[in-house]
Amino acid sequence: MDNFILILGMYFSYTSVEYYLEKYFDNIHADKLVLACVSAGLGNTFSDGIGFLVTGNFTWMTLTIVGCLIGMIIIPVMQKIKAKR
């Protein structure tokens, strides 16, 4: 069940991120790798959050969501390293 939620979260976050970037920013064309990384991170965050939501443990749900989002900080850091090359 966890993979089902993860795949749904990744798919809808990927299509949403791409849609909103194109809708609101005319000159921005995001790197497909960055979109995939952000989508995977958001999908995992959603999946983990739902997992704790079903158990009723809201404290762990909140901590897990915050931890997953903090973990996504590596995406812009890696992009900056890549851009310097």
PDB file of N, CA and C in Angstrom:
ATOM      1  N   MET A   1       0.824  -1.194   0.000  1.00  0.00           N
ATOM      2  CA  MET A   1       0.000   0.000   0.000  1.00  0.00           C
ATOM      3  C   MET A   1       0.873   1.264   0.000  1.00  0.00           C
ATOM      4  N   ASP A   2       2.005   1.197   0.680  1.00  0.00           N
ATOM      5  CA  ASP A   2       2.887   2.353   0.756  1.00  0.00           C
ATOM      6  C   ASP A   2       3.395   2.752  -0.631  1.00  0.00           C
ATOM      7  N   ASN A   3       3.769   1.770  -1.454  1.00  0.00           N
ATOM      8  CA  ASN A   3       4.249   2.084  -2.802  1.00  0.00           C
ATOM      9  C   ASN A   3       3.155   2.691  -3.662  1.00  0.00           C
ATOM     10  N   PHE A   4       1.937   2.256  -3.488  1.00  0.00           N
ATOM     11  CA  PHE A   4       0.810   2.818  -4.232  1.00  0.00           C
ATOM     12  C   PHE A   4       0.670   4.313  -3.934  1.00  0.00           C
ATOM     13  N   ILE A   5       0.715   4.653  -2.656  1.00  0.00           N
ATOM     14  CA  ILE A   5       0.608   6.058  -2.248  1.00  0.00           C
ATOM     15  C   ILE A   5       1.831   6.834  -2.727  1.00  0.00           C
ATOM     16  N   LEU A   6       3.004   6.231  -2.636  1.00  0.00           N
ATOM     17  CA  LEU A   6       4.239   6.877  -3.084  1.00  0.00           C
ATOM     18  C   LEU A   6       4.186   7.184  -4.581  1.00  0.00           C
ATOM     19  N   ILE A   7       3.743   6.229  -5.379  1.00  0.00           N
ATOM     20  CA  ILE A   7       3.672   6.432  -6.826  1.00  0.00           C
ATOM     21  C   ILE A   7       2.635   7.493  -7.171  1.00  0.00           C
ATOM     22  N   LEU A   8       1.488   7.475  -6.515  1.00  0.00           N
ATOM     23  CA  LEU A   8       0.482   8.522  -6.750  1.00  0.00           C
ATOM     24  C   LEU A   8       1.028   9.896  -6.386  1.00  0.00           C
ATOM     25  N   GLY A   9       1.669   9.987  -5.234  1.00  0.00           N
ATOM     26  CA  GLY A   9       2.231  11.269  -4.798  1.00  0.00           C
ATOM     27  C   GLY A   9       3.295  11.771  -5.749  1.00  0.00           C
ATOM     28  N   MET A  10       4.180  10.883  -6.207  1.00  0.00           N
ATOM     29  CA  MET A  10       5.224  11.279  -7.137  1.00  0.00           C
ATOM     30  C   MET A  10       4.627  11.722  -8.463  1.00  0.00           C
ATOM     31  N   TYR A  11       3.672  10.970  -8.980  1.00  0.00           N
ATOM     32  CA  TYR A  11       3.083  11.296 -10.278  1.00  0.00           C
ATOM     33  C   TYR A  11       2.373  12.645 -10.243  1.00  0.00           C
ATOM     34  N   PHE A  12       1.531  12.844  -9.232  1.00  0.00           N
ATOM     35  CA  PHE A  12       0.774  14.088  -9.187  1.00  0.00           C
ATOM     36  C   PHE A  12       1.642  15.286  -8.818  1.00  0.00           C
ATOM     37  N   SER A  13       2.674  15.090  -8.003  1.00  0.00           N
ATOM     38  CA  SER A  13       3.553  16.221  -7.697  1.00  0.00           C
ATOM     39  C   SER A  13       4.389  16.583  -8.914  1.00  0.00           C
ATOM     40  N   TYR A  14       4.829  15.590  -9.686  1.00  0.00           N
ATOM     41  CA  TYR A  14       5.620  15.876 -10.889  1.00  0.00           C
ATOM     42  C   TYR A  14       4.785  16.656 -11.899  1.00  0.00           C
ATOM     43  N   THR A  15       3.569  16.207 -12.158  1.00  0.00           N
ATOM     44  CA  THR A  15       2.727  16.896 -13.134  1.00  0.00           C
ATOM     45  C   THR A  15       2.313  18.261 -12.613  1.00  0.00           C
ATOM     46  N   SER A  16       2.112  18.405 -11.327  1.00  0.00           N
ATOM     47  CA  SER A  16       1.722  19.692 -10.762  1.00  0.00           C
ATOM     48  C   SER A  16       2.862  20.687 -10.795  1.00  0.00           C
ATOM     49  N   VAL A  17       4.059  20.260 -10.408  1.00  0.00           N
ATOM     50  CA  VAL A  17       5.212  21.163 -10.401  1.00  0.00           C
ATOM     51  C   VAL A  17       5.464  21.675 -11.808  1.00  0.00           C
ATOM     52  N   GLU A  18       5.456  20.784 -12.777  1.00  0.00           N
ATOM     53  CA  GLU A  18       5.694  21.177 -14.163  1.00  0.00           C
ATOM     54  C   GLU A  18       4.588  22.109 -14.666  1.00  0.00           C
ATOM     55  N   TYR A  19       3.349  21.801 -14.317  1.00  0.00           N
ATOM     56  CA  TYR A  19       2.213  22.623 -14.752  1.00  0.00           C
ATOM     57  C   TYR A  19       2.314  24.048 -14.199  1.00  0.00           C
ATOM     58  N   TYR A  20       2.561  24.176 -12.902  1.00  0.00           N
ATOM     59  CA  TYR A  20       2.603  25.506 -12.291  1.00  0.00           C
ATOM     60  C   TYR A  20       3.822  26.313 -12.729  1.00  0.00           C
ATOM     61  N   LEU A  21       4.945  25.647 -12.959  1.00  0.00           N
ATOM     62  CA  LEU A  21       6.108  26.368 -13.467  1.00  0.00           C
ATOM     63  C   LEU A  21       5.807  26.967 -14.838  1.00  0.00           C
ATOM     64  N   GLU A  22       5.200  26.168 -15.701  1.00  0.00           N
ATOM     65  CA  GLU A  22       4.888  26.659 -17.043  1.00  0.00           C
ATOM     66  C   GLU A  22       3.774  27.698 -17.034  1.00  0.00           C
ATOM     67  N   LYS A  23       2.849  27.581 -16.092  1.00  0.00           N
ATOM     68  CA  LYS A  23       1.713  28.503 -16.043  1.00  0.00           C
ATOM     69  C   LYS A  23       2.109  29.890 -15.533  1.00  0.00           C
ATOM     70  N   TYR A  24       2.919  29.935 -14.494  1.00  0.00           N
ATOM     71  CA  TYR A  24       3.216  31.205 -13.835  1.00  0.00           C
ATOM     72  C   TYR A  24       4.554  31.828 -14.214  1.00  0.00           C
ATOM     73  N   PHE A  25       5.439  31.056 -14.800  1.00  0.00           N
ATOM     74  CA  PHE A  25       6.752  31.575 -15.168  1.00  0.00           C
ATOM     75  C   PHE A  25       7.002  31.299 -16.646  1.00  0.00           C
ATOM     76  N   ASP A  26       7.005  32.352 -17.437  1.00  0.00           N
ATOM     77  CA  ASP A  26       7.135  32.195 -18.884  1.00  0.00           C
ATOM     78  C   ASP A  26       8.507  31.683 -19.315  1.00  0.00           C
ATOM     79  N   ASN A  27       9.553  32.185 -18.704  1.00  0.00           N
ATOM     80  CA  ASN A  27      10.901  31.880 -19.169  1.00  0.00           C
ATOM     81  C   ASN A  27      11.595  30.775 -18.384  1.00  0.00           C
ATOM     82  N   ILE A  28      10.886  30.108 -17.508  1.00  0.00           N
ATOM     83  CA  ILE A  28      11.526  29.067 -16.701  1.00  0.00           C
ATOM     84  C   ILE A  28      11.232  27.699 -17.306  1.00  0.00           C
ATOM     85  N   HIS A  29      12.293  26.994 -17.607  1.00  0.00           N
ATOM     86  CA  HIS A  29      12.175  25.622 -18.073  1.00  0.00           C
ATOM     87  C   HIS A  29      13.028  24.777 -17.137  1.00  0.00           C
ATOM     88  N   ALA A  30      12.371  24.078 -16.243  1.00  0.00           N
ATOM     89  CA  ALA A  30      13.087  23.329 -15.210  1.00  0.00           C
ATOM     90  C   ALA A  30      13.759  22.094 -15.788  1.00  0.00           C
ATOM     91  N   ASP A  31      14.868  21.773 -15.218  1.00  0.00           N
ATOM     92  CA  ASP A  31      15.602  20.563 -15.556  1.00  0.00           C
ATOM     93  C   ASP A  31      14.753  19.352 -15.161  1.00  0.00           C
ATOM     94  N   LYS A  32      14.638  18.388 -16.057  1.00  0.00           N
ATOM     95  CA  LYS A  32      13.810  17.198 -15.794  1.00  0.00           C
ATOM     96  C   LYS A  32      14.331  16.414 -14.581  1.00  0.00           C
ATOM     97  N   LEU A  33      15.640  16.410 -14.384  1.00  0.00           N
ATOM     98  CA  LEU A  33      16.209  15.710 -13.234  1.00  0.00           C
ATOM     99  C   LEU A  33      15.787  16.384 -11.930  1.00  0.00           C
ATOM    100  N   VAL A  34      15.800  17.710 -11.911  1.00  0.00           N
ATOM    101  CA  VAL A  34      15.375  18.440 -10.710  1.00  0.00           C
ATOM    102  C   VAL A  34      13.889  18.179 -10.442  1.00  0.00           C
ATOM    103  N   LEU A  35      13.072  18.229 -11.494  1.00  0.00           N
ATOM    104  CA  LEU A  35      11.646  17.938 -11.319  1.00  0.00           C
ATOM    105  C   LEU A  35      11.428  16.531 -10.785  1.00  0.00           C
ATOM    106  N   ALA A  36      12.194  15.578 -11.289  1.00  0.00           N
ATOM    107  CA  ALA A  36      12.059  14.204 -10.812  1.00  0.00           C
ATOM    108  C   ALA A  36      12.468  14.087  -9.348  1.00  0.00           C
ATOM    109  N   CYS A  37      13.553  14.766  -8.961  1.00  0.00           N
ATOM    110  CA  CYS A  37      14.004  14.727  -7.564  1.00  0.00           C
ATOM    111  C   CYS A  37      12.985  15.379  -6.631  1.00  0.00           C
ATOM    112  N   VAL A  38      12.472  16.547  -7.025  1.00  0.00           N
ATOM    113  CA  VAL A  38      11.467  17.225  -6.205  1.00  0.00           C
ATOM    114  C   VAL A  38      10.207  16.369  -6.106  1.00  0.00           C
ATOM    115  N   SER A  39       9.799  15.796  -7.221  1.00  0.00           N
ATOM    116  CA  SER A  39       8.599  14.951  -7.217  1.00  0.00           C
ATOM    117  C   SER A  39       8.779  13.725  -6.342  1.00  0.00           C
ATOM    118  N   ALA A  40       9.941  13.099  -6.430  1.00  0.00           N
ATOM    119  CA  ALA A  40      10.202  11.929  -5.592  1.00  0.00           C
ATOM    120  C   ALA A  40      10.193  12.312  -4.114  1.00  0.00           C
ATOM    121  N   GLY A  41      10.801  13.454  -3.803  1.00  0.00           N
ATOM    122  CA  GLY A  41      10.820  13.914  -2.411  1.00  0.00           C
ATOM    123  C   GLY A  41       9.428  14.239  -1.893  1.00  0.00           C
ATOM    124  N   LEU A  42       8.636  14.933  -2.706  1.00  0.00           N
ATOM    125  CA  LEU A  42       7.269  15.255  -2.291  1.00  0.00           C
ATOM    126  C   LEU A  42       6.402  14.004  -2.204  1.00  0.00           C
ATOM    127  N   GLY A  43       6.596  13.093  -3.150  1.00  0.00           N
ATOM    128  CA  GLY A  43       5.837  11.841  -3.110  1.00  0.00           C
ATOM    129  C   GLY A  43       6.165  11.034  -1.865  1.00  0.00           C
ATOM    130  N   ASN A  44       7.449  10.962  -1.518  1.00  0.00           N
ATOM    131  CA  ASN A  44       7.867  10.247  -0.314  1.00  0.00           C
ATOM    132  C   ASN A  44       7.334  10.934   0.942  1.00  0.00           C
ATOM    133  N   THR A  45       7.377  12.256   0.961  1.00  0.00           N
ATOM    134  CA  THR A  45       6.862  13.007   2.113  1.00  0.00           C
ATOM    135  C   THR A  45       5.379  12.724   2.303  1.00  0.00           C
ATOM    136  N   PHE A  46       4.628  12.768   1.210  1.00  0.00           N
ATOM    137  CA  PHE A  46       3.194  12.491   1.247  1.00  0.00           C
ATOM    138  C   PHE A  46       2.928  11.071   1.728  1.00  0.00           C
ATOM    139  N   SER A  47       3.667  10.116   1.179  1.00  0.00           N
ATOM    140  CA  SER A  47       3.488   8.713   1.539  1.00  0.00           C
ATOM    141  C   SER A  47       3.788   8.462   3.012  1.00  0.00           C
ATOM    142  N   ASP A  48       4.906   9.010   3.488  1.00  0.00           N
ATOM    143  CA  ASP A  48       5.267   8.831   4.903  1.00  0.00           C
ATOM    144  C   ASP A  48       4.260   9.515   5.823  1.00  0.00           C
ATOM    145  N   GLY A  49       3.816  10.704   5.433  1.00  0.00           N
ATOM    146  CA  GLY A  49       2.818  11.420   6.240  1.00  0.00           C
ATOM    147  C   GLY A  49       1.522  10.651   6.346  1.00  0.00           C
ATOM    148  N   ILE A  50       1.058  10.094   5.234  1.00  0.00           N
ATOM    149  CA  ILE A  50      -0.179   9.306   5.240  1.00  0.00           C
ATOM    150  C   ILE A  50      -0.012   8.064   6.109  1.00  0.00           C
ATOM    151  N   GLY A  51       1.173   7.465   6.042  1.00  0.00           N
ATOM    152  CA  GLY A  51       1.433   6.279   6.866  1.00  0.00           C
ATOM    153  C   GLY A  51       1.259   6.558   8.351  1.00  0.00           C
ATOM    154  N   PHE A  52       1.758   7.697   8.816  1.00  0.00           N
ATOM    155  CA  PHE A  52       1.595   8.037  10.241  1.00  0.00           C
ATOM    156  C   PHE A  52       0.192   8.567  10.527  1.00  0.00           C
ATOM    157  N   LEU A  53      -0.447   9.178   9.536  1.00  0.00           N
ATOM    158  CA  LEU A  53      -1.814   9.674   9.723  1.00  0.00           C
ATOM    159  C   LEU A  53      -2.771   8.519   9.999  1.00  0.00           C
ATOM    160  N   VAL A  54      -2.576   7.403   9.284  1.00  0.00           N
ATOM    161  CA  VAL A  54      -3.464   6.260   9.468  1.00  0.00           C
ATOM    162  C   VAL A  54      -3.309   5.651  10.853  1.00  0.00           C
ATOM    163  N   THR A  55      -2.112   5.752  11.410  1.00  0.00           N
ATOM    164  CA  THR A  55      -1.913   5.201  12.750  1.00  0.00           C
ATOM    165  C   THR A  55      -2.429   6.152  13.832  1.00  0.00           C
ATOM    166  N   GLY A  56      -2.708   7.392  13.448  1.00  0.00           N
ATOM    167  CA  GLY A  56      -3.213   8.358  14.413  1.00  0.00           C
ATOM    168  C   GLY A  56      -2.115   9.046  15.209  1.00  0.00           C
ATOM    169  N   ASN A  57      -0.888   8.852  14.833  1.00  0.00           N
ATOM    170  CA  ASN A  57       0.233   9.437  15.554  1.00  0.00           C
ATOM    171  C   ASN A  57       0.627  10.755  14.875  1.00  0.00           C
ATOM    172  N   PHE A  58      -0.054  11.823  15.258  1.00  0.00           N
ATOM    173  CA  PHE A  58       0.120  13.109  14.595  1.00  0.00           C
ATOM    174  C   PHE A  58       1.476  13.763  14.893  1.00  0.00           C
ATOM    175  N   THR A  59       2.027  13.492  16.059  1.00  0.00           N
ATOM    176  CA  THR A  59       3.341  14.047  16.386  1.00  0.00           C
ATOM    177  C   THR A  59       4.405  13.490  15.453  1.00  0.00           C
ATOM    178  N   TRP A  60       4.426  12.154  15.302  1.00  0.00           N
ATOM    179  CA  TRP A  60       5.400  11.537  14.416  1.00  0.00           C
ATOM    180  C   TRP A  60       5.134  11.898  12.963  1.00  0.00           C
ATOM    181  N   MET A  61       3.865  12.074  12.604  1.00  0.00           N
ATOM    182  CA  MET A  61       3.535  12.484  11.246  1.00  0.00           C
ATOM    183  C   MET A  61       4.149  13.845  10.945  1.00  0.00           C
ATOM    184  N   THR A  62       3.960  14.788  11.861  1.00  0.00           N
ATOM    185  CA  THR A  62       4.497  16.133  11.672  1.00  0.00           C
ATOM    186  C   THR A  62       6.020  16.123  11.617  1.00  0.00           C
ATOM    187  N   LEU A  63       6.650  15.409  12.542  1.00  0.00           N
ATOM    188  CA  LEU A  63       8.114  15.336  12.562  1.00  0.00           C
ATOM    189  C   LEU A  63       8.658  14.686  11.289  1.00  0.00           C
ATOM    190  N   THR A  64       7.978  13.662  10.808  1.00  0.00           N
ATOM    191  CA  THR A  64       8.415  12.978   9.596  1.00  0.00           C
ATOM    192  C   THR A  64       8.294  13.880   8.377  1.00  0.00           C
ATOM    193  N   ILE A  65       7.186  14.598   8.269  1.00  0.00           N
ATOM    194  CA  ILE A  65       6.991  15.504   7.142  1.00  0.00           C
ATOM    195  C   ILE A  65       8.049  16.601   7.151  1.00  0.00           C
ATOM    196  N   VAL A  66       8.292  17.187   8.316  1.00  0.00           N
ATOM    197  CA  VAL A  66       9.315  18.235   8.424  1.00  0.00           C
ATOM    198  C   VAL A  66      10.694  17.666   8.078  1.00  0.00           C
ATOM    199  N   GLY A  67      10.989  16.486   8.578  1.00  0.00           N
ATOM    200  CA  GLY A  67      12.274  15.851   8.290  1.00  0.00           C
ATOM    201  C   GLY A  67      12.450  15.556   6.803  1.00  0.00           C
ATOM    202  N   CYS A  68      11.398  15.085   6.165  1.00  0.00           N
ATOM    203  CA  CYS A  68      11.476  14.814   4.720  1.00  0.00           C
ATOM    204  C   CYS A  68      11.701  16.100   3.944  1.00  0.00           C
ATOM    205  N   LEU A  69      11.022  17.167   4.322  1.00  0.00           N
ATOM    206  CA  LEU A  69      11.187  18.436   3.611  1.00  0.00           C
ATOM    207  C   LEU A  69      12.579  19.020   3.833  1.00  0.00           C
ATOM    208  N   ILE A  70      13.105  18.880   5.052  1.00  0.00           N
ATOM    209  CA  ILE A  70      14.468  19.340   5.330  1.00  0.00           C
ATOM    210  C   ILE A  70      15.467  18.535   4.495  1.00  0.00           C
ATOM    211  N   GLY A  71      15.200  17.255   4.347  1.00  0.00           N
ATOM    212  CA  GLY A  71      16.077  16.408   3.541  1.00  0.00           C
ATOM    213  C   GLY A  71      16.132  16.817   2.082  1.00  0.00           C
ATOM    214  N   MET A  72      15.113  17.515   1.617  1.00  0.00           N
ATOM    215  CA  MET A  72      15.081  17.952   0.216  1.00  0.00           C
ATOM    216  C   MET A  72      15.979  19.161  -0.039  1.00  0.00           C
ATOM    217  N   ILE A  73      16.581  19.706   1.010  1.00  0.00           N
ATOM    218  CA  ILE A  73      17.500  20.837   0.845  1.00  0.00           C
ATOM    219  C   ILE A  73      18.692  20.443  -0.027  1.00  0.00           C
ATOM    220  N   ILE A  74      18.992  19.164  -0.080  1.00  0.00           N
ATOM    221  CA  ILE A  74      20.131  18.695  -0.873  1.00  0.00           C
ATOM    222  C   ILE A  74      19.922  18.972  -2.365  1.00  0.00           C
ATOM    223  N   ILE A  75      18.693  19.105  -2.820  1.00  0.00           N
ATOM    224  CA  ILE A  75      18.429  19.308  -4.257  1.00  0.00           C
ATOM    225  C   ILE A  75      19.040  20.620  -4.750  1.00  0.00           C
ATOM    226  N   PRO A  76      18.743  21.778  -4.140  1.00  0.00           N
ATOM    227  CA  PRO A  76      19.387  23.003  -4.640  1.00  0.00           C
ATOM    228  C   PRO A  76      20.894  23.025  -4.393  1.00  0.00           C
ATOM    229  N   VAL A  77      21.349  22.373  -3.332  1.00  0.00           N
ATOM    230  CA  VAL A  77      22.789  22.315  -3.068  1.00  0.00           C
ATOM    231  C   VAL A  77      23.489  21.562  -4.201  1.00  0.00           C
ATOM    232  N   MET A  78      22.925  20.439  -4.593  1.00  0.00           N
ATOM    233  CA  MET A  78      23.516  19.661  -5.683  1.00  0.00           C
ATOM    234  C   MET A  78      23.457  20.423  -7.005  1.00  0.00           C
ATOM    235  N   GLN A  79      22.403  21.202  -7.227  1.00  0.00           N
ATOM    236  CA  GLN A  79      22.301  21.991  -8.443  1.00  0.00           C
ATOM    237  C   GLN A  79      23.383  23.069  -8.484  1.00  0.00           C
ATOM    238  N   LYS A  80      23.666  23.690  -7.342  1.00  0.00           N
ATOM    239  CA  LYS A  80      24.727  24.700  -7.292  1.00  0.00           C
ATOM    240  C   LYS A  80      26.091  24.072  -7.564  1.00  0.00           C
ATOM    241  N   ILE A  81      26.322  22.892  -7.001  1.00  0.00           N
ATOM    242  CA  ILE A  81      27.586  22.187  -7.259  1.00  0.00           C
ATOM    243  C   ILE A  81      27.700  21.834  -8.735  1.00  0.00           C
ATOM    244  N   LYS A  82      26.607  21.361  -9.303  1.00  0.00           N
ATOM    245  CA  LYS A  82      26.587  21.009 -10.720  1.00  0.00           C
ATOM    246  C   LYS A  82      26.816  22.223 -11.610  1.00  0.00           C
ATOM    247  N   ALA A  83      26.253  23.376 -11.227  1.00  0.00           N
ATOM    248  CA  ALA A  83      26.383  24.592 -12.036  1.00  0.00           C
ATOM    249  C   ALA A  83      27.818  25.122 -12.017  1.00  0.00           C
ATOM    250  N   LYS A  84      28.574  24.870 -10.940  1.00  0.00           N
ATOM    251  CA  LYS A  84      29.946  25.357 -10.840  1.00  0.00           C
ATOM    252  C   LYS A  84      30.908  24.576 -11.723  1.00  0.00           C
ATOM    253  N   ARG A  85      30.517  23.410 -12.147  1.00  0.00           N
ATOM    254  CA  ARG A  85      31.405  22.562 -12.973  1.00  0.00           C
ATOM    255  C   ARG A  85      31.522  23.083 -14.347  1.00  0.00           C
TER     256      ARG A  85
END
